[in-house]
Amino acid sequence: MPARPIVPTAAAILLAATSMAYGRPDARTMTCEQTQQLIQSRRAIVLTTGRNTYDRYVRQYGNECDWPEVPVTSYIRTLDGQCRVHRCEEPVFDFPD
């Protein structure tokens, strides 16, 4: 079998597969309500929050965090200002001496 038909076919398959992939949603291009709805619908999602920054955000009530982490309040910039979301962090136990 000649190699000529295989190369264009392989290139077309590779192009189709990579075009189906999508990047992280960018919180800066969504309103706060859209961002919160996206997190609620997917339960946990990685969002772009800046030019070179991203993080994983989760629902407030759920089991999306690995033990011993818990959902904590965080604020990110969205199209309409600051938005309250939650991300997983290990709890800090600062007991007085």
PDB file of N, CA and C in Angstrom:
ATOM      1  N   MET A   1       0.857  -1.183   0.000  1.00  0.00           N
ATOM      2  CA  MET A   1       0.000   0.000   0.000  1.00  0.00           C
ATOM      3  C   MET A   1       0.894   1.234   0.000  1.00  0.00           C
ATOM      4  N   PRO A   2       0.650   2.154  -0.904  1.00  0.00           N
ATOM      5  CA  PRO A   2       1.484   3.354  -0.947  1.00  0.00           C
ATOM      6  C   PRO A   2       1.258   4.234   0.279  1.00  0.00           C
ATOM      7  N   ALA A   3       2.308   4.943   0.676  1.00  0.00           N
ATOM      8  CA  ALA A   3       2.258   5.787   1.875  1.00  0.00           C
ATOM      9  C   ALA A   3       1.533   7.097   1.625  1.00  0.00           C
ATOM     10  N   ARG A   4       1.381   7.482   0.407  1.00  0.00           N
ATOM     11  CA  ARG A   4       0.775   8.785   0.107  1.00  0.00           C
ATOM     12  C   ARG A   4      -0.650   8.936   0.628  1.00  0.00           C
ATOM     13  N   PRO A   5      -1.581   7.991   0.453  1.00  0.00           N
ATOM     14  CA  PRO A   5      -2.939   8.181   0.987  1.00  0.00           C
ATOM     15  C   PRO A   5      -2.983   8.111   2.516  1.00  0.00           C
ATOM     16  N   ILE A   6      -2.048   7.405   3.122  1.00  0.00           N
ATOM     17  CA  ILE A   6      -2.064   7.249   4.577  1.00  0.00           C
ATOM     18  C   ILE A   6      -1.717   8.556   5.275  1.00  0.00           C
ATOM     19  N   VAL A   7      -0.756   9.292   4.772  1.00  0.00           N
ATOM     20  CA  VAL A   7      -0.318  10.536   5.415  1.00  0.00           C
ATOM     21  C   VAL A   7      -1.442  11.569   5.481  1.00  0.00           C
ATOM     22  N   PRO A   8      -2.147  11.874   4.384  1.00  0.00           N
ATOM     23  CA  PRO A   8      -3.239  12.850   4.496  1.00  0.00           C
ATOM     24  C   PRO A   8      -4.375  12.370   5.395  1.00  0.00           C
ATOM     25  N   THR A   9      -4.647  11.071   5.366  1.00  0.00           N
ATOM     26  CA  THR A   9      -5.702  10.528   6.229  1.00  0.00           C
ATOM     27  C   THR A   9      -5.316  10.669   7.692  1.00  0.00           C
ATOM     28  N   ALA A  10      -4.088  10.336   8.031  1.00  0.00           N
ATOM     29  CA  ALA A  10      -3.621  10.462   9.417  1.00  0.00           C
ATOM     30  C   ALA A  10      -3.630  11.921   9.854  1.00  0.00           C
ATOM     31  N   ALA A  11      -3.241  12.812   8.964  1.00  0.00           N
ATOM     32  CA  ALA A  11      -3.240  14.237   9.300  1.00  0.00           C
ATOM     33  C   ALA A  11      -4.663  14.734   9.535  1.00  0.00           C
ATOM     34  N   ALA A  12      -5.604  14.285   8.742  1.00  0.00           N
ATOM     35  CA  ALA A  12      -6.998  14.700   8.907  1.00  0.00           C
ATOM     36  C   ALA A  12      -7.577  14.179  10.223  1.00  0.00           C
ATOM     37  N   ILE A  13      -7.245  12.956  10.589  1.00  0.00           N
ATOM     38  CA  ILE A  13      -7.722  12.390  11.854  1.00  0.00           C
ATOM     39  C   ILE A  13      -7.123  13.154  13.033  1.00  0.00           C
ATOM     40  N   LEU A  14      -5.842  13.449  12.963  1.00  0.00           N
ATOM     41  CA  LEU A  14      -5.181  14.196  14.036  1.00  0.00           C
ATOM     42  C   LEU A  14      -5.774  15.589  14.174  1.00  0.00           C
ATOM     43  N   LEU A  15      -6.017  16.254  13.073  1.00  0.00           N
ATOM     44  CA  LEU A  15      -6.608  17.591  13.100  1.00  0.00           C
ATOM     45  C   LEU A  15      -8.008  17.559  13.694  1.00  0.00           C
ATOM     46  N   ALA A  16      -8.800  16.569  13.315  1.00  0.00           N
ATOM     47  CA  ALA A  16     -10.165  16.450  13.842  1.00  0.00           C
ATOM     48  C   ALA A  16     -10.141  16.185  15.343  1.00  0.00           C
ATOM     49  N   ALA A  17      -9.229  15.347  15.796  1.00  0.00           N
ATOM     50  CA  ALA A  17      -9.156  15.018  17.225  1.00  0.00           C
ATOM     51  C   ALA A  17      -8.726  16.215  18.052  1.00  0.00           C
ATOM     52  N   THR A  18      -7.779  16.995  17.559  1.00  0.00           N
ATOM     53  CA  THR A  18      -7.311  18.143  18.334  1.00  0.00           C
ATOM     54  C   THR A  18      -8.311  19.294  18.298  1.00  0.00           C
ATOM     55  N   SER A  19      -9.087  19.399  17.246  1.00  0.00           N
ATOM     56  CA  SER A  19     -10.072  20.486  17.191  1.00  0.00           C
ATOM     57  C   SER A  19     -11.256  20.205  18.109  1.00  0.00           C
ATOM     58  N   MET A  20     -11.487  18.934  18.457  1.00  0.00           N
ATOM     59  CA  MET A  20     -12.576  18.606  19.363  1.00  0.00           C
ATOM     60  C   MET A  20     -12.211  18.940  20.803  1.00  0.00           C
ATOM     61  N   ALA A  21     -10.935  18.982  21.109  1.00  0.00           N
ATOM     62  CA  ALA A  21     -10.508  19.339  22.460  1.00  0.00           C
ATOM     63  C   ALA A  21     -10.749  20.826  22.673  1.00  0.00           C
ATOM     64  N   TYR A  22     -11.068  21.190  23.895  1.00  0.00           N
ATOM     65  CA  TYR A  22     -11.308  22.600  24.190  1.00  0.00           C
ATOM     66  C   TYR A  22     -10.497  23.011  25.398  1.00  0.00           C
ATOM     67  N   GLY A  23     -10.236  24.294  25.483  1.00  0.00           N
ATOM     68  CA  GLY A  23      -9.460  24.820  26.587  1.00  0.00           C
ATOM     69  C   GLY A  23     -10.313  24.998  27.845  1.00  0.00           C
ATOM     70  N   ARG A  24      -9.653  25.404  28.897  1.00  0.00           N
ATOM     71  CA  ARG A  24     -10.369  25.680  30.149  1.00  0.00           C
ATOM     72  C   ARG A  24     -11.290  26.868  29.960  1.00  0.00           C
ATOM     73  N   PRO A  25     -12.464  26.839  30.595  1.00  0.00           N
ATOM     74  CA  PRO A  25     -13.313  28.030  30.581  1.00  0.00           C
ATOM     75  C   PRO A  25     -12.589  29.181  31.283  1.00  0.00           C
ATOM     76  N   ASP A  26     -12.732  30.370  30.762  1.00  0.00           N
ATOM     77  CA  ASP A  26     -12.080  31.556  31.314  1.00  0.00           C
ATOM     78  C   ASP A  26     -13.095  32.334  32.139  1.00  0.00           C
ATOM     79  N   ALA A  27     -12.881  32.402  33.437  1.00  0.00           N
ATOM     80  CA  ALA A  27     -13.799  33.098  34.336  1.00  0.00           C
ATOM     81  C   ALA A  27     -13.895  34.583  34.013  1.00  0.00           C
ATOM     82  N   ARG A  28     -12.846  35.139  33.432  1.00  0.00           N
ATOM     83  CA  ARG A  28     -12.844  36.570  33.118  1.00  0.00           C
ATOM     84  C   ARG A  28     -13.801  36.929  31.994  1.00  0.00           C
ATOM     85  N   THR A  29     -14.248  35.934  31.228  1.00  0.00           N
ATOM     86  CA  THR A  29     -15.167  36.197  30.116  1.00  0.00           C
ATOM     87  C   THR A  29     -16.604  35.845  30.457  1.00  0.00           C
ATOM     88  N   MET A  30     -16.856  35.423  31.696  1.00  0.00           N
ATOM     89  CA  MET A  30     -18.203  35.045  32.131  1.00  0.00           C
ATOM     90  C   MET A  30     -18.648  35.948  33.268  1.00  0.00           C
ATOM     91  N   THR A  31     -19.949  36.064  33.443  1.00  0.00           N
ATOM     92  CA  THR A  31     -20.473  36.786  34.604  1.00  0.00           C
ATOM     93  C   THR A  31     -20.321  35.897  35.830  1.00  0.00           C
ATOM     94  N   CYS A  32     -20.490  36.484  36.990  1.00  0.00           N
ATOM     95  CA  CYS A  32     -20.399  35.724  38.235  1.00  0.00           C
ATOM     96  C   CYS A  32     -21.458  34.620  38.263  1.00  0.00           C
ATOM     97  N   GLU A  33     -22.659  34.951  37.861  1.00  0.00           N
ATOM     98  CA  GLU A  33     -23.749  33.966  37.874  1.00  0.00           C
ATOM     99  C   GLU A  33     -23.444  32.805  36.931  1.00  0.00           C
ATOM    100  N   GLN A  34     -22.914  33.088  35.744  1.00  0.00           N
ATOM    101  CA  GLN A  34     -22.555  32.026  34.803  1.00  0.00           C
ATOM    102  C   GLN A  34     -21.454  31.137  35.380  1.00  0.00           C
ATOM    103  N   THR A  35     -20.483  31.759  36.027  1.00  0.00           N
ATOM    104  CA  THR A  35     -19.382  31.009  36.628  1.00  0.00           C
ATOM    105  C   THR A  35     -19.895  30.091  37.723  1.00  0.00           C
ATOM    106  N   GLN A  36     -20.737  30.618  38.605  1.00  0.00           N
ATOM    107  CA  GLN A  36     -21.277  29.815  39.693  1.00  0.00           C
ATOM    108  C   GLN A  36     -22.160  28.684  39.165  1.00  0.00           C
ATOM    109  N   GLN A  37     -22.955  28.934  38.131  1.00  0.00           N
ATOM    110  CA  GLN A  37     -23.790  27.889  37.543  1.00  0.00           C
ATOM    111  C   GLN A  37     -22.943  26.793  36.906  1.00  0.00           C
ATOM    112  N   LEU A  38     -21.847  27.179  36.269  1.00  0.00           N
ATOM    113  CA  LEU A  38     -20.954  26.205  35.657  1.00  0.00           C
ATOM    114  C   LEU A  38     -20.337  25.300  36.722  1.00  0.00           C
ATOM    115  N   ILE A  39     -19.911  25.884  37.818  1.00  0.00           N
ATOM    116  CA  ILE A  39     -19.338  25.100  38.921  1.00  0.00           C
ATOM    117  C   ILE A  39     -20.390  24.160  39.490  1.00  0.00           C
ATOM    118  N   GLN A  40     -21.600  24.654  39.695  1.00  0.00           N
ATOM    119  CA  GLN A  40     -22.676  23.819  40.247  1.00  0.00           C
ATOM    120  C   GLN A  40     -23.021  22.669  39.305  1.00  0.00           C
ATOM    121  N   SER A  41     -23.080  22.947  38.009  1.00  0.00           N
ATOM    122  CA  SER A  41     -23.484  21.906  37.063  1.00  0.00           C
ATOM    123  C   SER A  41     -22.425  20.824  36.891  1.00  0.00           C
ATOM    124  N   ARG A  42     -21.163  21.192  37.006  1.00  0.00           N
ATOM    125  CA  ARG A  42     -20.083  20.216  36.814  1.00  0.00           C
ATOM    126  C   ARG A  42     -19.519  19.700  38.135  1.00  0.00           C
ATOM    127  N   ARG A  43     -19.960  20.261  39.240  1.00  0.00           N
ATOM    128  CA  ARG A  43     -19.544  19.877  40.592  1.00  0.00           C
ATOM    129  C   ARG A  43     -18.119  20.324  40.916  1.00  0.00           C
ATOM    130  N   ALA A  44     -17.199  20.233  39.976  1.00  0.00           N
ATOM    131  CA  ALA A  44     -15.822  20.710  40.140  1.00  0.00           C
ATOM    132  C   ALA A  44     -15.288  21.006  38.748  1.00  0.00           C
ATOM    133  N   ILE A  45     -14.527  22.092  38.624  1.00  0.00           N
ATOM    134  CA  ILE A  45     -14.033  22.485  37.307  1.00  0.00           C
ATOM    135  C   ILE A  45     -12.763  23.315  37.457  1.00  0.00           C
ATOM    136  N   VAL A  46     -11.884  23.194  36.500  1.00  0.00           N
ATOM    137  CA  VAL A  46     -10.682  24.021  36.448  1.00  0.00           C
ATOM    138  C   VAL A  46     -10.998  25.227  35.577  1.00  0.00           C
ATOM    139  N   LEU A  47     -10.822  26.425  36.138  1.00  0.00           N
ATOM    140  CA  LEU A  47     -11.109  27.670  35.436  1.00  0.00           C
ATOM    141  C   LEU A  47      -9.835  28.485  35.255  1.00  0.00           C
ATOM    142  N   THR A  48      -9.724  29.124  34.097  1.00  0.00           N
ATOM    143  CA  THR A  48      -8.662  30.100  33.886  1.00  0.00           C
ATOM    144  C   THR A  48      -9.070  31.365  34.631  1.00  0.00           C
ATOM    145  N   THR A  49      -8.146  31.911  35.427  1.00  0.00           N
ATOM    146  CA  THR A  49      -8.462  33.099  36.220  1.00  0.00           C
ATOM    147  C   THR A  49      -7.591  34.299  35.859  1.00  0.00           C
ATOM    148  N   GLY A  50      -6.600  34.092  35.048  1.00  0.00           N
ATOM    149  CA  GLY A  50      -5.700  35.168  34.643  1.00  0.00           C
ATOM    150  C   GLY A  50      -4.916  34.723  33.428  1.00  0.00           C
ATOM    151  N   ARG A  51      -4.007  35.558  33.006  1.00  0.00           N
ATOM    152  CA  ARG A  51      -3.246  35.248  31.788  1.00  0.00           C
ATOM    153  C   ARG A  51      -2.503  33.924  31.896  1.00  0.00           C
ATOM    154  N   ASN A  52      -1.888  33.671  33.020  1.00  0.00           N
ATOM    155  CA  ASN A  52      -1.141  32.430  33.225  1.00  0.00           C
ATOM    156  C   ASN A  52      -1.561  31.711  34.500  1.00  0.00           C
ATOM    157  N   THR A  53      -2.790  31.928  34.957  1.00  0.00           N
ATOM    158  CA  THR A  53      -3.222  31.312  36.206  1.00  0.00           C
ATOM    159  C   THR A  53      -4.528  30.553  36.017  1.00  0.00           C
ATOM    160  N   TYR A  54      -4.668  29.505  36.806  1.00  0.00           N
ATOM    161  CA  TYR A  54      -5.886  28.709  36.813  1.00  0.00           C
ATOM    162  C   TYR A  54      -5.968  27.995  38.150  1.00  0.00           C
ATOM    163  N   ASP A  55      -7.157  27.506  38.474  1.00  0.00           N
ATOM    164  CA  ASP A  55      -7.337  26.764  39.713  1.00  0.00           C
ATOM    165  C   ASP A  55      -8.583  25.901  39.574  1.00  0.00           C
ATOM    166  N   ARG A  56      -8.734  24.975  40.490  1.00  0.00           N
ATOM    167  CA  ARG A  56      -9.887  24.080  40.504  1.00  0.00           C
ATOM    168  C   ARG A  56     -10.892  24.609  41.525  1.00  0.00           C
ATOM    169  N   TYR A  57     -12.135  24.758  41.092  1.00  0.00           N
ATOM    170  CA  TYR A  57     -13.196  25.270  41.950  1.00  0.00           C
ATOM    171  C   TYR A  57     -14.283  24.219  42.088  1.00  0.00           C
ATOM    172  N   VAL A  58     -14.899  24.185  43.267  1.00  0.00           N
ATOM    173  CA  VAL A  58     -15.861  23.138  43.597  1.00  0.00           C
ATOM    174  C   VAL A  58     -17.139  23.733  44.176  1.00  0.00           C
ATOM    175  N   ARG A  59     -18.163  22.888  44.270  1.00  0.00           N
ATOM    176  CA  ARG A  59     -19.401  23.302  44.938  1.00  0.00           C
ATOM    177  C   ARG A  59     -19.120  23.473  46.427  1.00  0.00           C
ATOM    178  N   GLN A  60     -19.936  24.297  47.077  1.00  0.00           N
ATOM    179  CA  GLN A  60     -19.732  24.513  48.515  1.00  0.00           C
ATOM    180  C   GLN A  60     -20.063  23.250  49.311  1.00  0.00           C
ATOM    181  N   TYR A  61     -21.151  22.597  48.949  1.00  0.00           N
ATOM    182  CA  TYR A  61     -21.574  21.394  49.666  1.00  0.00           C
ATOM    183  C   TYR A  61     -21.447  20.208  48.728  1.00  0.00           C
ATOM    184  N   GLY A  62     -20.549  19.332  49.019  1.00  0.00           N
ATOM    185  CA  GLY A  62     -20.317  18.162  48.190  1.00  0.00           C
ATOM    186  C   GLY A  62     -19.053  17.462  48.662  1.00  0.00           C
ATOM    187  N   ASN A  63     -18.696  16.418  47.975  1.00  0.00           N
ATOM    188  CA  ASN A  63     -17.498  15.669  48.368  1.00  0.00           C
ATOM    189  C   ASN A  63     -16.447  15.706  47.266  1.00  0.00           C
ATOM    190  N   GLU A  64     -16.282  16.856  46.639  1.00  0.00           N
ATOM    191  CA  GLU A  64     -15.327  17.003  45.553  1.00  0.00           C
ATOM    192  C   GLU A  64     -13.894  17.203  46.036  1.00  0.00           C
ATOM    193  N   CYS A  65     -13.704  17.515  47.299  1.00  0.00           N
ATOM    194  CA  CYS A  65     -12.359  17.715  47.849  1.00  0.00           C
ATOM    195  C   CYS A  65     -11.830  16.402  48.416  1.00  0.00           C
ATOM    196  N   ASP A  66     -10.536  16.171  48.231  1.00  0.00           N
ATOM    197  CA  ASP A  66      -9.894  15.000  48.816  1.00  0.00           C
ATOM    198  C   ASP A  66      -9.637  15.259  50.297  1.00  0.00           C
ATOM    199  N   TRP A  67      -9.769  14.201  51.099  1.00  0.00           N
ATOM    200  CA  TRP A  67      -9.516  14.334  52.525  1.00  0.00           C
ATOM    201  C   TRP A  67      -8.058  14.682  52.743  1.00  0.00           C
ATOM    202  N   PRO A  68      -7.686  15.575  53.580  1.00  0.00           N
ATOM    203  CA  PRO A  68      -8.457  16.290  54.596  1.00  0.00           C
ATOM    204  C   PRO A  68      -8.911  17.682  54.141  1.00  0.00           C
ATOM    205  N   GLU A  69      -8.872  17.937  52.835  1.00  0.00           N
ATOM    206  CA  GLU A  69      -9.251  19.264  52.354  1.00  0.00           C
ATOM    207  C   GLU A  69     -10.756  19.491  52.470  1.00  0.00           C
ATOM    208  N   VAL A  70     -11.114  20.770  52.562  1.00  0.00           N
ATOM    209  CA  VAL A  70     -12.519  21.180  52.643  1.00  0.00           C
ATOM    210  C   VAL A  70     -12.731  22.371  51.706  1.00  0.00           C
ATOM    211  N   PRO A  71     -13.976  22.594  51.252  1.00  0.00           N
ATOM    212  CA  PRO A  71     -14.235  23.770  50.421  1.00  0.00           C
ATOM    213  C   PRO A  71     -14.118  25.054  51.240  1.00  0.00           C
ATOM    214  N   VAL A  72     -13.337  25.995  50.767  1.00  0.00           N
ATOM    215  CA  VAL A  72     -13.199  27.296  51.436  1.00  0.00           C
ATOM    216  C   VAL A  72     -13.547  28.394  50.437  1.00  0.00           C
ATOM    217  N   THR A  73     -14.048  29.486  50.961  1.00  0.00           N
ATOM    218  CA  THR A  73     -14.453  30.606  50.120  1.00  0.00           C
ATOM    219  C   THR A  73     -13.245  31.278  49.491  1.00  0.00           C
ATOM    220  N   SER A  74     -13.394  31.604  48.229  1.00  0.00           N
ATOM    221  CA  SER A  74     -12.357  32.294  47.481  1.00  0.00           C
ATOM    222  C   SER A  74     -13.052  33.283  46.551  1.00  0.00           C
ATOM    223  N   TYR A  75     -12.340  34.285  46.115  1.00  0.00           N
ATOM    224  CA  TYR A  75     -12.916  35.276  45.193  1.00  0.00           C
ATOM    225  C   TYR A  75     -12.063  35.334  43.927  1.00  0.00           C
ATOM    226  N   ILE A  76     -12.745  35.327  42.787  1.00  0.00           N
ATOM    227  CA  ILE A  76     -12.055  35.442  41.510  1.00  0.00           C
ATOM    228  C   ILE A  76     -12.680  36.573  40.708  1.00  0.00           C
ATOM    229  N   ARG A  77     -11.915  37.098  39.771  1.00  0.00           N
ATOM    230  CA  ARG A  77     -12.411  38.176  38.914  1.00  0.00           C
ATOM    231  C   ARG A  77     -13.218  37.573  37.772  1.00  0.00           C
ATOM    232  N   THR A  78     -14.419  38.120  37.582  1.00  0.00           N
ATOM    233  CA  THR A  78     -15.263  37.732  36.458  1.00  0.00           C
ATOM    234  C   THR A  78     -15.577  38.977  35.642  1.00  0.00           C
ATOM    235  N   LEU A  79     -16.379  38.810  34.625  1.00  0.00           N
ATOM    236  CA  LEU A  79     -16.715  39.912  33.725  1.00  0.00           C
ATOM    237  C   LEU A  79     -17.371  41.074  34.459  1.00  0.00           C
ATOM    238  N   ASP A  80     -18.144  40.765  35.492  1.00  0.00           N
ATOM    239  CA  ASP A  80     -18.860  41.806  36.222  1.00  0.00           C
ATOM    240  C   ASP A  80     -18.283  42.094  37.612  1.00  0.00           C
ATOM    241  N   GLY A  81     -17.027  41.768  37.844  1.00  0.00           N
ATOM    242  CA  GLY A  81     -16.375  42.093  39.122  1.00  0.00           C
ATOM    243  C   GLY A  81     -15.903  40.852  39.857  1.00  0.00           C
ATOM    244  N   GLN A  82     -15.818  40.959  41.180  1.00  0.00           N
ATOM    245  CA  GLN A  82     -15.383  39.853  42.018  1.00  0.00           C
ATOM    246  C   GLN A  82     -16.526  38.854  42.199  1.00  0.00           C
ATOM    247  N   CYS A  83     -16.176  37.576  42.246  1.00  0.00           N
ATOM    248  CA  CYS A  83     -17.180  36.527  42.372  1.00  0.00           C
ATOM    249  C   CYS A  83     -16.769  35.555  43.469  1.00  0.00           C
ATOM    250  N   ARG A  84     -17.715  35.206  44.314  1.00  0.00           N
ATOM    251  CA  ARG A  84     -17.463  34.286  45.423  1.00  0.00           C
ATOM    252  C   ARG A  84     -17.609  32.850  44.916  1.00  0.00           C
ATOM    253  N   VAL A  85     -16.546  32.076  45.073  1.00  0.00           N
ATOM    254  CA  VAL A  85     -16.525  30.673  44.677  1.00  0.00           C
ATOM    255  C   VAL A  85     -15.849  29.873  45.791  1.00  0.00           C
ATOM    256  N   HIS A  86     -15.698  28.582  45.594  1.00  0.00           N
ATOM    257  CA  HIS A  86     -15.049  27.731  46.600  1.00  0.00           C
ATOM    258  C   HIS A  86     -13.985  26.871  45.945  1.00  0.00           C
ATOM    259  N   ARG A  87     -12.887  26.684  46.676  1.00  0.00           N
ATOM    260  CA  ARG A  87     -11.840  25.779  46.229  1.00  0.00           C
ATOM    261  C   ARG A  87     -11.377  24.947  47.412  1.00  0.00           C
ATOM    262  N   CYS A  88     -10.720  23.858  47.134  1.00  0.00           N
ATOM    263  CA  CYS A  88     -10.312  22.930  48.190  1.00  0.00           C
ATOM    264  C   CYS A  88      -9.006  23.390  48.836  1.00  0.00           C
ATOM    265  N   GLU A  89      -9.020  23.397  50.144  1.00  0.00           N
ATOM    266  CA  GLU A  89      -7.812  23.706  50.923  1.00  0.00           C
ATOM    267  C   GLU A  89      -7.809  22.867  52.173  1.00  0.00           C
ATOM    268  N   GLU A  90      -6.621  22.615  52.664  1.00  0.00           N
ATOM    269  CA  GLU A  90      -6.487  21.906  53.932  1.00  0.00           C
ATOM    270  C   GLU A  90      -6.838  22.874  55.058  1.00  0.00           C
ATOM    271  N   PRO A  91      -7.678  22.464  55.996  1.00  0.00           N
ATOM    272  CA  PRO A  91      -8.060  23.372  57.075  1.00  0.00           C
ATOM    273  C   PRO A  91      -6.865  23.724  57.952  1.00  0.00           C
ATOM    274  N   VAL A  92      -6.881  24.935  58.449  1.00  0.00           N
ATOM    275  CA  VAL A  92      -5.817  25.406  59.343  1.00  0.00           C
ATOM    276  C   VAL A  92      -6.380  25.398  60.759  1.00  0.00           C
ATOM    277  N   PHE A  93      -5.721  24.674  61.623  1.00  0.00           N
ATOM    278  CA  PHE A  93      -6.147  24.627  63.017  1.00  0.00           C
ATOM    279  C   PHE A  93      -5.185  25.493  63.826  1.00  0.00           C
ATOM    280  N   ASP A  94      -5.606  26.734  64.063  1.00  0.00           N
ATOM    281  CA  ASP A  94      -4.803  27.682  64.815  1.00  0.00           C
ATOM    282  C   ASP A  94      -5.404  27.837  66.215  1.00  0.00           C
ATOM    283  N   PHE A  95      -5.030  26.942  67.095  1.00  0.00           N
ATOM    284  CA  PHE A  95      -5.567  27.006  68.449  1.00  0.00           C
ATOM    285  C   PHE A  95      -4.712  27.940  69.291  1.00  0.00           C
ATOM    286  N   PRO A  96      -5.353  28.740  70.125  1.00  0.00           N
ATOM    287  CA  PRO A  96      -4.575  29.641  70.989  1.00  0.00           C
ATOM    288  C   PRO A  96      -3.756  28.824  71.999  1.00  0.00           C
ATOM    289  N   ASP A  97      -2.615  29.367  72.366  1.00  0.00           N
ATOM    290  CA  ASP A  97      -1.737  28.680  73.347  1.00  0.00           C
ATOM    291  C   ASP A  97      -2.276  28.767  74.738  1.00  0.00           C
TER     292      ASP A  97
END
